[in-house]
């Protein structure tokens, strides 16, 4: 029902008003798309940072257990120079 009312309002607009209305709708859609994309990028970045932090925590534990840096790198996927 709301969509129908919206369409009726748009049909009652002048050509200039319709153009402005559709321009505003496109801008609104673009803004929403940008927000969604930014949120997705943020989630991916956060997950990557979390995975790296987890790998480093595991590397510390493996080092305490006496494994060599080469073994730790192989187990965690971290480069040997990042294992401290």
PDB file of N, CA and C in Angstrom:
ATOM      1  N   UNK A   1       0.831  -1.199   0.000  1.00  0.00           N
ATOM      2  CA  UNK A   1       0.000   0.000   0.000  1.00  0.00           C
ATOM      3  C   UNK A   1       0.874   1.261   0.000  1.00  0.00           C
ATOM      4  N   UNK A   2       1.935   1.244   0.820  1.00  0.00           N
ATOM      5  CA  UNK A   2       2.825   2.409   0.858  1.00  0.00           C
ATOM      6  C   UNK A   2       3.491   2.644  -0.489  1.00  0.00           C
ATOM      7  N   UNK A   3       3.871   1.537  -1.147  1.00  0.00           N
ATOM      8  CA  UNK A   3       4.503   1.671  -2.459  1.00  0.00           C
ATOM      9  C   UNK A   3       3.528   2.283  -3.462  1.00  0.00           C
ATOM     10  N   UNK A   4       2.285   1.849  -3.409  1.00  0.00           N
ATOM     11  CA  UNK A   4       1.271   2.374  -4.314  1.00  0.00           C
ATOM     12  C   UNK A   4       1.069   3.866  -4.068  1.00  0.00           C
ATOM     13  N   UNK A   5       0.989   4.261  -2.809  1.00  0.00           N
ATOM     14  CA  UNK A   5       0.823   5.681  -2.479  1.00  0.00           C
ATOM     15  C   UNK A   5       2.016   6.490  -2.972  1.00  0.00           C
ATOM     16  N   UNK A   6       3.201   5.930  -2.837  1.00  0.00           N
ATOM     17  CA  UNK A   6       4.412   6.606  -3.303  1.00  0.00           C
ATOM     18  C   UNK A   6       4.373   6.801  -4.814  1.00  0.00           C
ATOM     19  N   UNK A   7       3.955   5.758  -5.531  1.00  0.00           N
ATOM     20  CA  UNK A   7       3.876   5.852  -6.983  1.00  0.00           C
ATOM     21  C   UNK A   7       2.835   6.880  -7.419  1.00  0.00           C
ATOM     22  N   UNK A   8       1.736   6.957  -6.703  1.00  0.00           N
ATOM     23  CA  UNK A   8       0.694   7.933  -7.033  1.00  0.00           C
ATOM     24  C   UNK A   8       1.231   9.344  -6.820  1.00  0.00           C
ATOM     25  N   UNK A   9       1.989   9.551  -5.723  1.00  0.00           N
ATOM     26  CA  UNK A   9       2.581  10.867  -5.467  1.00  0.00           C
ATOM     27  C   UNK A   9       3.549  11.245  -6.579  1.00  0.00           C
ATOM     28  N   UNK A  10       4.361  10.296  -7.023  1.00  0.00           N
ATOM     29  CA  UNK A  10       5.343  10.568  -8.068  1.00  0.00           C
ATOM     30  C   UNK A  10       4.630  10.921  -9.365  1.00  0.00           C
ATOM     31  N   UNK A  11       3.574  10.193  -9.691  1.00  0.00           N
ATOM     32  CA  UNK A  11       2.837  10.469 -10.925  1.00  0.00           C
ATOM     33  C   UNK A  11       2.225  11.866 -10.921  1.00  0.00           C
ATOM     34  N   UNK A  12       1.951  12.403  -9.746  1.00  0.00           N
ATOM     35  CA  UNK A  12       1.361  13.736  -9.655  1.00  0.00           C
ATOM     36  C   UNK A  12       2.389  14.855  -9.737  1.00  0.00           C
ATOM     37  N   UNK A  13       3.654  14.514  -9.826  1.00  0.00           N
ATOM     38  CA  UNK A  13       4.718  15.523  -9.873  1.00  0.00           C
ATOM     39  C   UNK A  13       4.918  16.030 -11.293  1.00  0.00           C
ATOM     40  N   UNK A  14       5.475  17.231 -11.363  1.00  0.00           N
ATOM     41  CA  UNK A  14       5.855  17.771 -12.673  1.00  0.00           C
ATOM     42  C   UNK A  14       7.090  17.028 -13.170  1.00  0.00           C
ATOM     43  N   UNK A  15       7.453  17.226 -14.428  1.00  0.00           N
ATOM     44  CA  UNK A  15       8.610  16.544 -15.004  1.00  0.00           C
ATOM     45  C   UNK A  15       9.882  16.915 -14.229  1.00  0.00           C
ATOM     46  N   UNK A  16      10.036  18.175 -13.877  1.00  0.00           N
ATOM     47  CA  UNK A  16      11.210  18.630 -13.121  1.00  0.00           C
ATOM     48  C   UNK A  16      11.242  17.991 -11.739  1.00  0.00           C
ATOM     49  N   UNK A  17      10.089  17.939 -11.082  1.00  0.00           N
ATOM     50  CA  UNK A  17      10.023  17.316  -9.749  1.00  0.00           C
ATOM     51  C   UNK A  17      10.353  15.830  -9.818  1.00  0.00           C
ATOM     52  N   UNK A  18       9.863  15.150 -10.872  1.00  0.00           N
ATOM     53  CA  UNK A  18      10.150  13.721 -11.035  1.00  0.00           C
ATOM     54  C   UNK A  18      11.644  13.496 -11.231  1.00  0.00           C
ATOM     55  N   UNK A  19      12.260  14.312 -12.084  1.00  0.00           N
ATOM     56  CA  UNK A  19      13.700  14.173 -12.316  1.00  0.00           C
ATOM     57  C   UNK A  19      14.474  14.357 -11.014  1.00  0.00           C
ATOM     58  N   UNK A  20      14.089  15.347 -10.234  1.00  0.00           N
ATOM     59  CA  UNK A  20      14.754  15.604  -8.956  1.00  0.00           C
ATOM     60  C   UNK A  20      14.505  14.452  -7.969  1.00  0.00           C
ATOM     61  N   UNK A  21      13.281  13.941  -7.967  1.00  0.00           N
ATOM     62  CA  UNK A  21      12.928  12.817  -7.102  1.00  0.00           C
ATOM     63  C   UNK A  21      13.780  11.590  -7.435  1.00  0.00           C
ATOM     64  N   UNK A  22      13.855  11.248  -8.736  1.00  0.00           N
ATOM     65  CA  UNK A  22      14.626  10.072  -9.138  1.00  0.00           C
ATOM     66  C   UNK A  22      16.121  10.283  -8.909  1.00  0.00           C
ATOM     67  N   UNK A  23      16.583  11.500  -9.081  1.00  0.00           N
ATOM     68  CA  UNK A  23      17.985  11.808  -8.788  1.00  0.00           C
ATOM     69  C   UNK A  23      18.272  11.579  -7.307  1.00  0.00           C
ATOM     70  N   UNK A  24      17.399  12.028  -6.449  1.00  0.00           N
ATOM     71  CA  UNK A  24      17.559  11.825  -5.009  1.00  0.00           C
ATOM     72  C   UNK A  24      17.488  10.348  -4.639  1.00  0.00           C
ATOM     73  N   UNK A  25      16.609   9.603  -5.311  1.00  0.00           N
ATOM     74  CA  UNK A  25      16.509   8.162  -5.058  1.00  0.00           C
ATOM     75  C   UNK A  25      17.813   7.458  -5.442  1.00  0.00           C
ATOM     76  N   UNK A  26      18.387   7.824  -6.591  1.00  0.00           N
ATOM     77  CA  UNK A  26      19.666   7.223  -7.014  1.00  0.00           C
ATOM     78  C   UNK A  26      20.770   7.559  -6.019  1.00  0.00           C
ATOM     79  N   UNK A  27      20.797   8.819  -5.575  1.00  0.00           N
ATOM     80  CA  UNK A  27      21.811   9.217  -4.593  1.00  0.00           C
ATOM     81  C   UNK A  27      21.657   8.426  -3.300  1.00  0.00           C
ATOM     82  N   UNK A  28      20.431   8.247  -2.873  1.00  0.00           N
ATOM     83  CA  UNK A  28      20.165   7.477  -1.658  1.00  0.00           C
ATOM     84  C   UNK A  28      20.620   6.032  -1.828  1.00  0.00           C
ATOM     85  N   UNK A  29      20.329   5.446  -2.974  1.00  0.00           N
ATOM     86  CA  UNK A  29      20.748   4.080  -3.259  1.00  0.00           C
ATOM     87  C   UNK A  29      22.272   3.979  -3.268  1.00  0.00           C
ATOM     88  N   UNK A  30      22.933   4.962  -3.894  1.00  0.00           N
ATOM     89  CA  UNK A  30      24.398   4.970  -3.944  1.00  0.00           C
ATOM     90  C   UNK A  30      24.996   5.038  -2.546  1.00  0.00           C
ATOM     91  N   UNK A  31      24.427   5.858  -1.697  1.00  0.00           N
ATOM     92  CA  UNK A  31      24.924   5.989  -0.325  1.00  0.00           C
ATOM     93  C   UNK A  31      24.768   4.670   0.424  1.00  0.00           C
ATOM     94  N   UNK A  32      23.613   4.035   0.275  1.00  0.00           N
ATOM     95  CA  UNK A  32      23.386   2.749   0.933  1.00  0.00           C
ATOM     96  C   UNK A  32      24.361   1.692   0.419  1.00  0.00           C
ATOM     97  N   UNK A  33      24.623   1.701  -0.882  1.00  0.00           N
ATOM     98  CA  UNK A  33      25.566   0.742  -1.463  1.00  0.00           C
ATOM     99  C   UNK A  33      26.970   0.969  -0.916  1.00  0.00           C
ATOM    100  N   UNK A  34      27.380   2.225  -0.807  1.00  0.00           N
ATOM    101  CA  UNK A  34      28.701   2.548  -0.270  1.00  0.00           C
ATOM    102  C   UNK A  34      28.823   2.107   1.185  1.00  0.00           C
ATOM    103  N   UNK A  35      27.766   2.306   1.952  1.00  0.00           N
ATOM    104  CA  UNK A  35      27.787   1.876   3.356  1.00  0.00           C
ATOM    105  C   UNK A  35      27.923   0.359   3.445  1.00  0.00           C
ATOM    106  N   UNK A  36      27.183  -0.357   2.609  1.00  0.00           N
ATOM    107  CA  UNK A  36      27.247  -1.819   2.624  1.00  0.00           C
ATOM    108  C   UNK A  36      28.647  -2.280   2.252  1.00  0.00           C
ATOM    109  N   UNK A  37      29.207  -1.686   1.212  1.00  0.00           N
ATOM    110  CA  UNK A  37      30.541  -2.069   0.754  1.00  0.00           C
ATOM    111  C   UNK A  37      31.575  -1.782   1.842  1.00  0.00           C
ATOM    112  N   UNK A  38      31.493  -0.619   2.468  1.00  0.00           N
ATOM    113  CA  UNK A  38      32.431  -0.266   3.538  1.00  0.00           C
ATOM    114  C   UNK A  38      32.303  -1.233   4.708  1.00  0.00           C
ATOM    115  N   UNK A  39      31.079  -1.624   5.035  1.00  0.00           N
ATOM    116  CA  UNK A  39      30.862  -2.571   6.124  1.00  0.00           C
ATOM    117  C   UNK A  39      31.502  -3.915   5.784  1.00  0.00           C
ATOM    118  N   UNK A  40      31.327  -4.366   4.537  1.00  0.00           N
ATOM    119  CA  UNK A  40      31.919  -5.633   4.104  1.00  0.00           C
ATOM    120  C   UNK A  40      33.440  -5.576   4.186  1.00  0.00           C
ATOM    121  N   UNK A  41      34.012  -4.451   3.721  1.00  0.00           N
ATOM    122  CA  UNK A  41      35.467  -4.295   3.793  1.00  0.00           C
ATOM    123  C   UNK A  41      35.934  -4.324   5.240  1.00  0.00           C
ATOM    124  N   UNK A  42      35.205  -3.654   6.114  1.00  0.00           N
ATOM    125  CA  UNK A  42      35.558  -3.625   7.529  1.00  0.00           C
ATOM    126  C   UNK A  42      35.504  -5.007   8.153  1.00  0.00           C
ATOM    127  N   UNK A  43      34.480  -5.766   7.808  1.00  0.00           N
ATOM    128  CA  UNK A  43      34.362  -7.127   8.330  1.00  0.00           C
ATOM    129  C   UNK A  43      35.523  -7.996   7.863  1.00  0.00           C
ATOM    130  N   UNK A  44      35.850  -7.893   6.586  1.00  0.00           N
ATOM    131  CA  UNK A  44      36.954  -8.691   6.054  1.00  0.00           C
ATOM    132  C   UNK A  44      38.273  -8.309   6.713  1.00  0.00           C
ATOM    133  N   UNK A  45      38.492  -7.010   6.898  1.00  0.00           N
ATOM    134  CA  UNK A  45      39.719  -6.543   7.536  1.00  0.00           C
ATOM    135  C   UNK A  45      39.778  -7.014   8.987  1.00  0.00           C
ATOM    136  N   UNK A  46      38.664  -6.925   9.688  1.00  0.00           N
ATOM    137  CA  UNK A  46      38.610  -7.375  11.075  1.00  0.00           C
ATOM    138  C   UNK A  46      38.868  -8.866  11.211  1.00  0.00           C
ATOM    139  N   UNK A  47      38.294  -9.649  10.311  1.00  0.00           N
ATOM    140  CA  UNK A  47      38.519 -11.089  10.336  1.00  0.00           C
ATOM    141  C   UNK A  47      39.984 -11.426  10.072  1.00  0.00           C
ATOM    142  N   UNK A  48      40.591 -10.723   9.120  1.00  0.00           N
ATOM    143  CA  UNK A  48      41.999 -10.974   8.802  1.00  0.00           C
ATOM    144  C   UNK A  48      42.886 -10.644   9.999  1.00  0.00           C
ATOM    145  N   UNK A  49      42.603  -9.531  10.661  1.00  0.00           N
ATOM    146  CA  UNK A  49      43.387  -9.154  11.844  1.00  0.00           C
ATOM    147  C   UNK A  49      43.200 -10.171  12.964  1.00  0.00           C
ATOM    148  N   UNK A  50      41.984 -10.650  13.126  1.00  0.00           N
ATOM    149  CA  UNK A  50      41.698 -11.650  14.146  1.00  0.00           C
ATOM    150  C   UNK A  50      42.421 -12.957  13.874  1.00  0.00           C
ATOM    151  N   UNK A  51      42.441 -13.366  12.617  1.00  0.00           N
ATOM    152  CA  UNK A  51      43.140 -14.599  12.251  1.00  0.00           C
ATOM    153  C   UNK A  51      44.642 -14.461  12.501  1.00  0.00           C
ATOM    154  N   UNK A  52      45.195 -13.302  12.181  1.00  0.00           N
ATOM    155  CA  UNK A  52      46.626 -13.074  12.403  1.00  0.00           C
ATOM    156  C   UNK A  52      46.947 -13.084  13.895  1.00  0.00           C
ATOM    157  N   UNK A  53      46.099 -12.443  14.698  1.00  0.00           N
ATOM    158  CA  UNK A  53      46.316 -12.423  16.148  1.00  0.00           C
ATOM    159  C   UNK A  53      46.244 -13.835  16.720  1.00  0.00           C
ATOM    160  N   UNK A  54      45.310 -14.633  16.226  1.00  0.00           N
ATOM    161  CA  UNK A  54      45.171 -16.020  16.685  1.00  0.00           C
ATOM    162  C   UNK A  54      46.412 -16.824  16.316  1.00  0.00           C
ATOM    163  N   UNK A  55      46.909 -16.651  15.079  1.00  0.00           N
ATOM    164  CA  UNK A  55      48.109 -17.372  14.651  1.00  0.00           C
ATOM    165  C   UNK A  55      49.307 -16.994  15.519  1.00  0.00           C
ATOM    166  N   UNK A  56      49.415 -15.711  15.877  1.00  0.00           N
ATOM    167  CA  UNK A  56      50.531 -15.268  16.725  1.00  0.00           C
ATOM    168  C   UNK A  56      50.413 -15.844  18.135  1.00  0.00           C
ATOM    169  N   UNK A  57      49.192 -15.931  18.638  1.00  0.00           N
ATOM    170  CA  UNK A  57      48.987 -16.522  19.969  1.00  0.00           C
ATOM    171  C   UNK A  57      49.361 -18.005  19.948  1.00  0.00           C
ATOM    172  N   UNK A  58      48.970 -18.687  18.912  1.00  0.00           N
ATOM    173  CA  UNK A  58      49.329 -20.108  18.782  1.00  0.00           C
ATOM    174  C   UNK A  58      50.843 -20.249  18.666  1.00  0.00           C
ATOM    175  N   UNK A  59      51.479 -19.355  17.902  1.00  0.00           N
ATOM    176  CA  UNK A  59      52.935 -19.405  17.746  1.00  0.00           C
ATOM    177  C   UNK A  59      53.637 -19.236  19.091  1.00  0.00           C
ATOM    178  N   UNK A  60      53.135 -18.320  19.912  1.00  0.00           N
ATOM    179  CA  UNK A  60      53.728 -18.145  21.255  1.00  0.00           C
ATOM    180  C   UNK A  60      53.610 -19.429  22.071  1.00  0.00           C
ATOM    181  N   UNK A  61      52.452 -20.053  22.012  1.00  0.00           N
ATOM    182  CA  UNK A  61      52.251 -21.302  22.759  1.00  0.00           C
ATOM    183  C   UNK A  61      53.174 -22.410  22.249  1.00  0.00           C
ATOM    184  N   UNK A  62      53.301 -22.510  20.937  1.00  0.00           N
ATOM    185  CA  UNK A  62      54.169 -23.541  20.374  1.00  0.00           C
ATOM    186  C   UNK A  62      55.634 -23.287  20.724  1.00  0.00           C
ATOM    187  N   UNK A  63      56.015 -22.008  20.771  1.00  0.00           N
ATOM    188  CA  UNK A  63      57.389 -21.675  21.145  1.00  0.00           C
ATOM    189  C   UNK A  63      57.655 -22.077  22.593  1.00  0.00           C
ATOM    190  N   UNK A  64      56.672 -21.830  23.466  1.00  0.00           N
ATOM    191  CA  UNK A  64      56.801 -22.222  24.874  1.00  0.00           C
ATOM    192  C   UNK A  64      56.902 -23.740  25.005  1.00  0.00           C
ATOM    193  N   UNK A  65      56.331 -24.463  24.073  1.00  0.00           N
ATOM    194  CA  UNK A  65      56.396 -25.923  24.092  1.00  0.00           C
ATOM    195  C   UNK A  65      57.729 -26.436  23.535  1.00  0.00           C
ATOM    196  N   UNK A  66      58.555 -25.519  23.016  1.00  0.00           N
ATOM    197  CA  UNK A  66      59.875 -25.906  22.559  1.00  0.00           C
ATOM    198  C   UNK A  66      60.010 -26.209  21.084  1.00  0.00           C
ATOM    199  N   UNK A  67      59.007 -25.905  20.285  1.00  0.00           N
ATOM    200  CA  UNK A  67      59.113 -26.154  18.853  1.00  0.00           C
ATOM    201  C   UNK A  67      60.041 -25.134  18.211  1.00  0.00           C
ATOM    202  N   UNK A  68      60.668 -25.513  17.120  1.00  0.00           N
ATOM    203  CA  UNK A  68      61.577 -24.617  16.406  1.00  0.00           C
ATOM    204  C   UNK A  68      60.773 -23.577  15.621  1.00  0.00           C
ATOM    205  N   UNK A  69      61.407 -22.429  15.319  1.00  0.00           N
ATOM    206  CA  UNK A  69      60.719 -21.422  14.513  1.00  0.00           C
ATOM    207  C   UNK A  69      60.243 -21.975  13.163  1.00  0.00           C
ATOM    208  N   UNK A  70      61.005 -22.886  12.580  1.00  0.00           N
ATOM    209  CA  UNK A  70      60.611 -23.494  11.307  1.00  0.00           C
ATOM    210  C   UNK A  70      59.328 -24.305  11.468  1.00  0.00           C
ATOM    211  N   UNK A  71      59.237 -25.086  12.537  1.00  0.00           N
ATOM    212  CA  UNK A  71      58.029 -25.886  12.792  1.00  0.00           C
ATOM    213  C   UNK A  71      56.833 -24.984  13.076  1.00  0.00           C
ATOM    214  N   UNK A  72      57.082 -23.937  13.839  1.00  0.00           N
ATOM    215  CA  UNK A  72      55.993 -23.006  14.189  1.00  0.00           C
ATOM    216  C   UNK A  72      55.479 -22.311  12.933  1.00  0.00           C
ATOM    217  N   UNK A  73      56.400 -21.883  12.077  1.00  0.00           N
ATOM    218  CA  UNK A  73      56.005 -21.223  10.828  1.00  0.00           C
ATOM    219  C   UNK A  73      55.164 -22.160   9.978  1.00  0.00           C
ATOM    220  N   UNK A  74      55.569 -23.413   9.931  1.00  0.00           N
ATOM    221  CA  UNK A  74      54.831 -24.398   9.138  1.00  0.00           C
ATOM    222  C   UNK A  74      53.429 -24.633   9.717  1.00  0.00           C
ATOM    223  N   UNK A  75      53.322 -24.652  11.035  1.00  0.00           N
ATOM    224  CA  UNK A  75      52.038 -24.926  11.692  1.00  0.00           C
ATOM    225  C   UNK A  75      51.074 -23.736  11.628  1.00  0.00           C
ATOM    226  N   UNK A  76      51.616 -22.522  11.701  1.00  0.00           N
ATOM    227  CA  UNK A  76      50.756 -21.336  11.787  1.00  0.00           C
ATOM    228  C   UNK A  76      50.602 -20.577  10.484  1.00  0.00           C
ATOM    229  N   UNK A  77      51.523 -20.799   9.545  1.00  0.00           N
ATOM    230  CA  UNK A  77      51.493 -20.040   8.310  1.00  0.00           C
ATOM    231  C   UNK A  77      52.155 -18.679   8.426  1.00  0.00           C
ATOM    232  N   UNK A  78      52.707 -18.382   9.600  1.00  0.00           N
ATOM    233  CA  UNK A  78      53.428 -17.128   9.790  1.00  0.00           C
ATOM    234  C   UNK A  78      54.845 -17.243   9.234  1.00  0.00           C
ATOM    235  N   UNK A  79      55.408 -16.139   8.755  1.00  0.00           N
ATOM    236  CA  UNK A  79      56.797 -16.189   8.338  1.00  0.00           C
ATOM    237  C   UNK A  79      57.705 -16.363   9.568  1.00  0.00           C
ATOM    238  N   UNK A  80      58.841 -17.020   9.376  1.00  0.00           N
ATOM    239  CA  UNK A  80      59.742 -17.276  10.501  1.00  0.00           C
ATOM    240  C   UNK A  80      60.203 -16.013  11.191  1.00  0.00           C
ATOM    241  N   UNK A  81      60.381 -14.925  10.430  1.00  0.00           N
ATOM    242  CA  UNK A  81      60.861 -13.677  11.031  1.00  0.00           C
ATOM    243  C   UNK A  81      59.830 -13.008  11.950  1.00  0.00           C
ATOM    244  N   UNK A  82      58.572 -13.442  11.900  1.00  0.00           N
ATOM    245  CA  UNK A  82      57.540 -12.894  12.786  1.00  0.00           C
ATOM    246  C   UNK A  82      57.386 -13.728  14.059  1.00  0.00           C
ATOM    247  N   UNK A  83      58.086 -14.821  14.140  1.00  0.00           N
ATOM    248  CA  UNK A  83      57.962 -15.690  15.307  1.00  0.00           C
ATOM    249  C   UNK A  83      59.007 -15.260  16.325  1.00  0.00           C
ATOM    250  N   UNK A  84      58.500 -14.762  17.474  1.00  0.00           N
ATOM    251  CA  UNK A  84      59.414 -14.285  18.527  1.00  0.00           C
ATOM    252  C   UNK A  84      59.233 -15.057  19.799  1.00  0.00           C
TER     253      UNK A  84
END
